[in-house]
Amino acid sequence: MVTPENLTQEKRFRPSDKAGFGGVALGNGFQQNSDLECLQAVEAAWNAGIRLFDTSPWYGLGISERRMGLFLKDQPRDSFTLSTKVGRLMVPEEDFKMEQLLWKGKMNFSYTYDYSAGGVRKSVEDSLQRLGLSSIDVVFIHDLSPDNGDMKDSYSSYFEQAAKGAMPELTKMREEGIIKGWGLGVNTIEPILQTLDVADPDIFLSACQYSLIKHDDDLNKVFPKVAERDVSIVVGAPLCAGFLSGKDRYLYDGKFPAGVREKLNALQRVAENHAVDLRTAALQFAAAPDEVSGVIPGAHTAEQAVQNALSFKTNVPAGFWEELKHEKLIAENAPVPKI
């Protein structure tokens, strides 16, 4: 049995900077956004120093990758880190529509699931074409998770396909130098823990699981496990899809779980006590753990992109974090930024 290359290396690939930019809004998540506005958002993030970018074929069924690549294609390839995802292949279909789809506006592709080795290779090649780039740094196997409504009761069979196909193929692609690292991009913790048991991942995108609102599962169940393997975490949805920055929504399914509004109000009261911007605190909280290698809030305007970038650089007083712990609004063992 050949030992996977990364198990013999001292360090796995990690982005050089935790401050990132997520591509959901570029794919018309929640609302339709113009090409120009989205391009300006990516440019503003870049000008504010952001060098970590995440997208996916799923975001707008190709729209996010096209928009992100339109800017990044003109930048020196070694000056930024880019991640995208595999698991769904885009299929041309004029004016595709689907009930309850997060993506708004006109889409000209439908999709099919494919977690096979061949599907992974084709997905990466297709993404490079949409992006207009020569390489991708990190590949996340997307939405391979029991909360994916498309999978219904077939999650275990999809996972088995990925364990036999996508996972070893991505390890091979890493060893060939085609990518620098791979993992899962999921909204629950179970697939992350399963993958650590059966494969050799480098980095996971854990969305919806590490924020000021909810963080216990990642903190106590995932972080210790990934630390043992020198695997890192990119935090997705650090603002709970805008909930922590003033949007009247919580994550992606249109529901407000019991207690989240009340916790938001409590967090806002503490923020006001210390003259702290809650969005800034949320992004810095997500970036604080050593296990975290990236945080990717989304934006579709230049103003949002600049605000997010500045939030990573703003000092938050120690008293704010102390009061959050005293009021049991964050876990006692949760890392907080060091001033």
Foldseek 3Di string as FASTA:
>chain_A
DDDQPVLPDPAADFWPAFEAAEQLVQLQFQHDFDLVQQLLQLVLLVVLPHAEYEYECLRVNLRSLLSNLVPVLPPPPVRHAYEYEFFKDWAFAFQDDDPPDRHDDGGGTDIDGDLAQVRLVVRQVVSCVSSVDDAHAEYAHEALDCVPPVCPPPSVVSLVRNLHGNQVSVSVCCVVVRYRFYYHEHADCVVRVVCLVRHQGAEYEHEVAPWLQHDVCCVPPVLVSCVVSNHAYEYHCLVQLCVQPDDPAGHRNRDDDPPRVVLSVVLVVLCVVQVHRRLLQSQQLRCFDPRHRYYHDYDSGSVVSSVSSVSNVDDGDPVSVVVCVVVVSDPPPRGGDDD
